[in-house]
């Protein structure tokens, strides 16, 4: 999945502050919508996995990934021939992201920086 955002700046704005505000708004919206779909809180956590997101990090681009699926590596059979995700988890993640995008488009999100 790719999420592109074009947020223009005026000269008086601090780009780092604007970016931080945008990231915060996105995380807050996801944290609000994911529990509504999955009926449980979804924490912001890290998982020691090998993904291509490292390529962004190596070039100084702060990475963030989100995924659908089991709550543990063992449950998903990660990195094995039968690695899988439940269709219902994929549907739920898609709904949470769709609700988040709708919130970001409709809400008065403070991203003034």
C-alpha atoms as a PDB file:
ATOM      1  CA  UNK A   1       0.000   0.000   0.000  1.00  0.00           C
ATOM      2  CA  UNK A   2       1.183   3.490  -0.794  1.00  0.00           C
ATOM      3  CA  UNK A   3      -0.054   6.647   0.871  1.00  0.00           C
ATOM      4  CA  UNK A   4       0.939   9.859  -0.864  1.00  0.00           C
ATOM      5  CA  UNK A   5       0.274  13.253   0.582  1.00  0.00           C
ATOM      6  CA  UNK A   6       0.948  16.652  -0.916  1.00  0.00           C
ATOM      7  CA  UNK A   7       0.986  19.289   1.830  1.00  0.00           C
ATOM      8  CA  UNK A   8       2.245  22.653   0.628  1.00  0.00           C
ATOM      9  CA  UNK A   9       4.111  24.930   3.009  1.00  0.00           C
ATOM     10  CA  UNK A  10       4.157  28.657   3.402  1.00  0.00           C
ATOM     11  CA  UNK A  11       7.538  30.285   4.115  1.00  0.00           C
ATOM     12  CA  UNK A  12       6.745  30.856   7.797  1.00  0.00           C
ATOM     13  CA  UNK A  13       6.113  27.160   8.498  1.00  0.00           C
ATOM     14  CA  UNK A  14       8.665  24.770   9.929  1.00  0.00           C
ATOM     15  CA  UNK A  15       8.705  21.690   7.635  1.00  0.00           C
ATOM     16  CA  UNK A  16       9.786  19.328  10.431  1.00  0.00           C
ATOM     17  CA  UNK A  17       6.951  20.535  12.654  1.00  0.00           C
ATOM     18  CA  UNK A  18       4.386  20.173   9.870  1.00  0.00           C
ATOM     19  CA  UNK A  19       5.591  16.636   9.118  1.00  0.00           C
ATOM     20  CA  UNK A  20       5.455  15.697  12.804  1.00  0.00           C
ATOM     21  CA  UNK A  21       1.896  17.060  13.030  1.00  0.00           C
ATOM     22  CA  UNK A  22       0.847  15.035   9.996  1.00  0.00           C
ATOM     23  CA  UNK A  23       2.385  11.843  11.360  1.00  0.00           C
ATOM     24  CA  UNK A  24       0.690  12.418  14.709  1.00  0.00           C
ATOM     25  CA  UNK A  25      -2.690  13.033  13.036  1.00  0.00           C
ATOM     26  CA  UNK A  26      -2.393   9.816  11.021  1.00  0.00           C
ATOM     27  CA  UNK A  27      -1.399   7.705  14.030  1.00  0.00           C
ATOM     28  CA  UNK A  28      -4.194   9.190  16.160  1.00  0.00           C
ATOM     29  CA  UNK A  29      -6.741   8.475  13.422  1.00  0.00           C
ATOM     30  CA  UNK A  30      -5.513   4.884  13.067  1.00  0.00           C
ATOM     31  CA  UNK A  31      -5.559   4.423  16.842  1.00  0.00           C
ATOM     32  CA  UNK A  32      -9.157   5.649  16.866  1.00  0.00           C
ATOM     33  CA  UNK A  33     -10.385   3.517  13.953  1.00  0.00           C
ATOM     34  CA  UNK A  34      -8.595   0.190  14.365  1.00  0.00           C
ATOM     35  CA  UNK A  35     -10.192  -0.582  17.762  1.00  0.00           C
ATOM     36  CA  UNK A  36     -13.615   0.272  16.319  1.00  0.00           C
ATOM     37  CA  UNK A  37     -13.111  -2.389  13.645  1.00  0.00           C
ATOM     38  CA  UNK A  38     -11.308  -5.043  15.705  1.00  0.00           C
ATOM     39  CA  UNK A  39     -13.057  -4.435  19.047  1.00  0.00           C
ATOM     40  CA  UNK A  40      -9.728  -4.218  20.864  1.00  0.00           C
ATOM     41  CA  UNK A  41      -6.987  -1.624  21.250  1.00  0.00           C
ATOM     42  CA  UNK A  42      -4.247  -1.791  18.626  1.00  0.00           C
ATOM     43  CA  UNK A  43      -0.962  -0.624  20.148  1.00  0.00           C
ATOM     44  CA  UNK A  44       1.821   1.099  18.260  1.00  0.00           C
ATOM     45  CA  UNK A  45       4.637  -1.432  18.492  1.00  0.00           C
ATOM     46  CA  UNK A  46       7.686  -2.644  16.682  1.00  0.00           C
ATOM     47  CA  UNK A  47       8.331  -6.156  15.463  1.00  0.00           C
ATOM     48  CA  UNK A  48      11.799  -7.440  14.596  1.00  0.00           C
ATOM     49  CA  UNK A  49      11.070  -8.546  11.049  1.00  0.00           C
ATOM     50  CA  UNK A  50      12.923  -8.198   7.793  1.00  0.00           C
ATOM     51  CA  UNK A  51      11.018  -5.953   5.390  1.00  0.00           C
ATOM     52  CA  UNK A  52      11.913  -3.626   2.553  1.00  0.00           C
ATOM     53  CA  UNK A  53      11.022  -0.702   4.813  1.00  0.00           C
ATOM     54  CA  UNK A  54      14.651  -0.832   5.939  1.00  0.00           C
ATOM     55  CA  UNK A  55      15.636   0.588   2.547  1.00  0.00           C
ATOM     56  CA  UNK A  56      13.807   3.816   3.379  1.00  0.00           C
ATOM     57  CA  UNK A  57      15.331   3.986   6.835  1.00  0.00           C
ATOM     58  CA  UNK A  58      18.835   3.509   5.417  1.00  0.00           C
ATOM     59  CA  UNK A  59      18.283   6.606   3.270  1.00  0.00           C
ATOM     60  CA  UNK A  60      17.116   8.731   6.210  1.00  0.00           C
ATOM     61  CA  UNK A  61      13.390   8.463   5.479  1.00  0.00           C
ATOM     62  CA  UNK A  62      11.518   7.697   8.725  1.00  0.00           C
ATOM     63  CA  UNK A  63       9.619   4.471   8.048  1.00  0.00           C
ATOM     64  CA  UNK A  64       6.250   3.339   9.283  1.00  0.00           C
ATOM     65  CA  UNK A  65       4.462   0.163   8.273  1.00  0.00           C
ATOM     66  CA  UNK A  66       1.108  -1.236   9.127  1.00  0.00           C
ATOM     67  CA  UNK A  67      -0.145  -4.677   8.475  1.00  0.00           C
ATOM     68  CA  UNK A  68      -3.057  -6.988   8.775  1.00  0.00           C
ATOM     69  CA  UNK A  69      -2.814 -10.342  10.338  1.00  0.00           C
ATOM     70  CA  UNK A  70      -2.082 -12.470  13.310  1.00  0.00           C
ATOM     71  CA  UNK A  71      -0.933 -10.990  16.585  1.00  0.00           C
ATOM     72  CA  UNK A  72       2.230 -13.100  16.686  1.00  0.00           C
ATOM     73  CA  UNK A  73       4.871 -14.470  14.336  1.00  0.00           C
ATOM     74  CA  UNK A  74       4.063 -18.020  15.374  1.00  0.00           C
ATOM     75  CA  UNK A  75       0.360 -17.589  14.606  1.00  0.00           C
ATOM     76  CA  UNK A  76       1.123 -16.391  11.070  1.00  0.00           C
ATOM     77  CA  UNK A  77       3.830 -18.966  10.335  1.00  0.00           C
ATOM     78  CA  UNK A  78       5.951 -15.990   9.279  1.00  0.00           C
ATOM     79  CA  UNK A  79       8.806 -16.502   6.822  1.00  0.00           C
ATOM     80  CA  UNK A  80       7.698 -20.039   5.996  1.00  0.00           C
ATOM     81  CA  UNK A  81       6.148 -21.552   2.877  1.00  0.00           C
ATOM     82  CA  UNK A  82       2.692 -21.496   4.493  1.00  0.00           C
ATOM     83  CA  UNK A  83       2.831 -17.939   5.873  1.00  0.00           C
ATOM     84  CA  UNK A  84      -0.685 -16.586   5.874  1.00  0.00           C
ATOM     85  CA  UNK A  85      -3.109 -13.893   6.929  1.00  0.00           C
ATOM     86  CA  UNK A  86      -6.777 -14.456   7.654  1.00  0.00           C
ATOM     87  CA  UNK A  87      -9.087 -12.837   5.122  1.00  0.00           C
ATOM     88  CA  UNK A  88     -11.139 -11.354   7.969  1.00  0.00           C
ATOM     89  CA  UNK A  89      -8.006  -9.644   9.360  1.00  0.00           C
ATOM     90  CA  UNK A  90      -7.249  -8.227   5.917  1.00  0.00           C
ATOM     91  CA  UNK A  91     -10.808  -6.941   5.592  1.00  0.00           C
ATOM     92  CA  UNK A  92     -10.615  -5.365   9.034  1.00  0.00           C
ATOM     93  CA  UNK A  93      -7.306  -3.638   8.311  1.00  0.00           C
ATOM     94  CA  UNK A  94      -8.705  -2.329   5.033  1.00  0.00           C
ATOM     95  CA  UNK A  95     -11.767  -0.946   6.837  1.00  0.00           C
ATOM     96  CA  UNK A  96      -9.610   0.693   9.519  1.00  0.00           C
ATOM     97  CA  UNK A  97      -7.428   2.378   6.895  1.00  0.00           C
ATOM     98  CA  UNK A  98     -10.466   3.488   4.871  1.00  0.00           C
ATOM     99  CA  UNK A  99     -12.043   5.018   7.991  1.00  0.00           C
ATOM    100  CA  UNK A 100      -8.761   6.701   8.839  1.00  0.00           C
ATOM    101  CA  UNK A 101      -8.457   8.236   5.386  1.00  0.00           C
ATOM    102  CA  UNK A 102     -12.045   9.447   5.600  1.00  0.00           C
ATOM    103  CA  UNK A 103     -11.332  11.028   8.993  1.00  0.00           C
ATOM    104  CA  UNK A 104      -8.250  12.766   7.642  1.00  0.00           C
ATOM    105  CA  UNK A 105     -10.181  14.087   4.658  1.00  0.00           C
ATOM    106  CA  UNK A 106     -13.228  15.266   6.607  1.00  0.00           C
ATOM    107  CA  UNK A 107     -11.875  16.310  10.001  1.00  0.00           C
ATOM    108  CA  UNK A 108     -10.340  19.618  10.806  1.00  0.00           C
ATOM    109  CA  UNK A 109      -6.897  18.146  11.448  1.00  0.00           C
ATOM    110  CA  UNK A 110      -4.402  20.580  12.950  1.00  0.00           C
ATOM    111  CA  UNK A 111      -1.393  20.305  10.666  1.00  0.00           C
ATOM    112  CA  UNK A 112      -0.455  23.939  10.619  1.00  0.00           C
ATOM    113  CA  UNK A 113       2.930  23.276  12.203  1.00  0.00           C
END
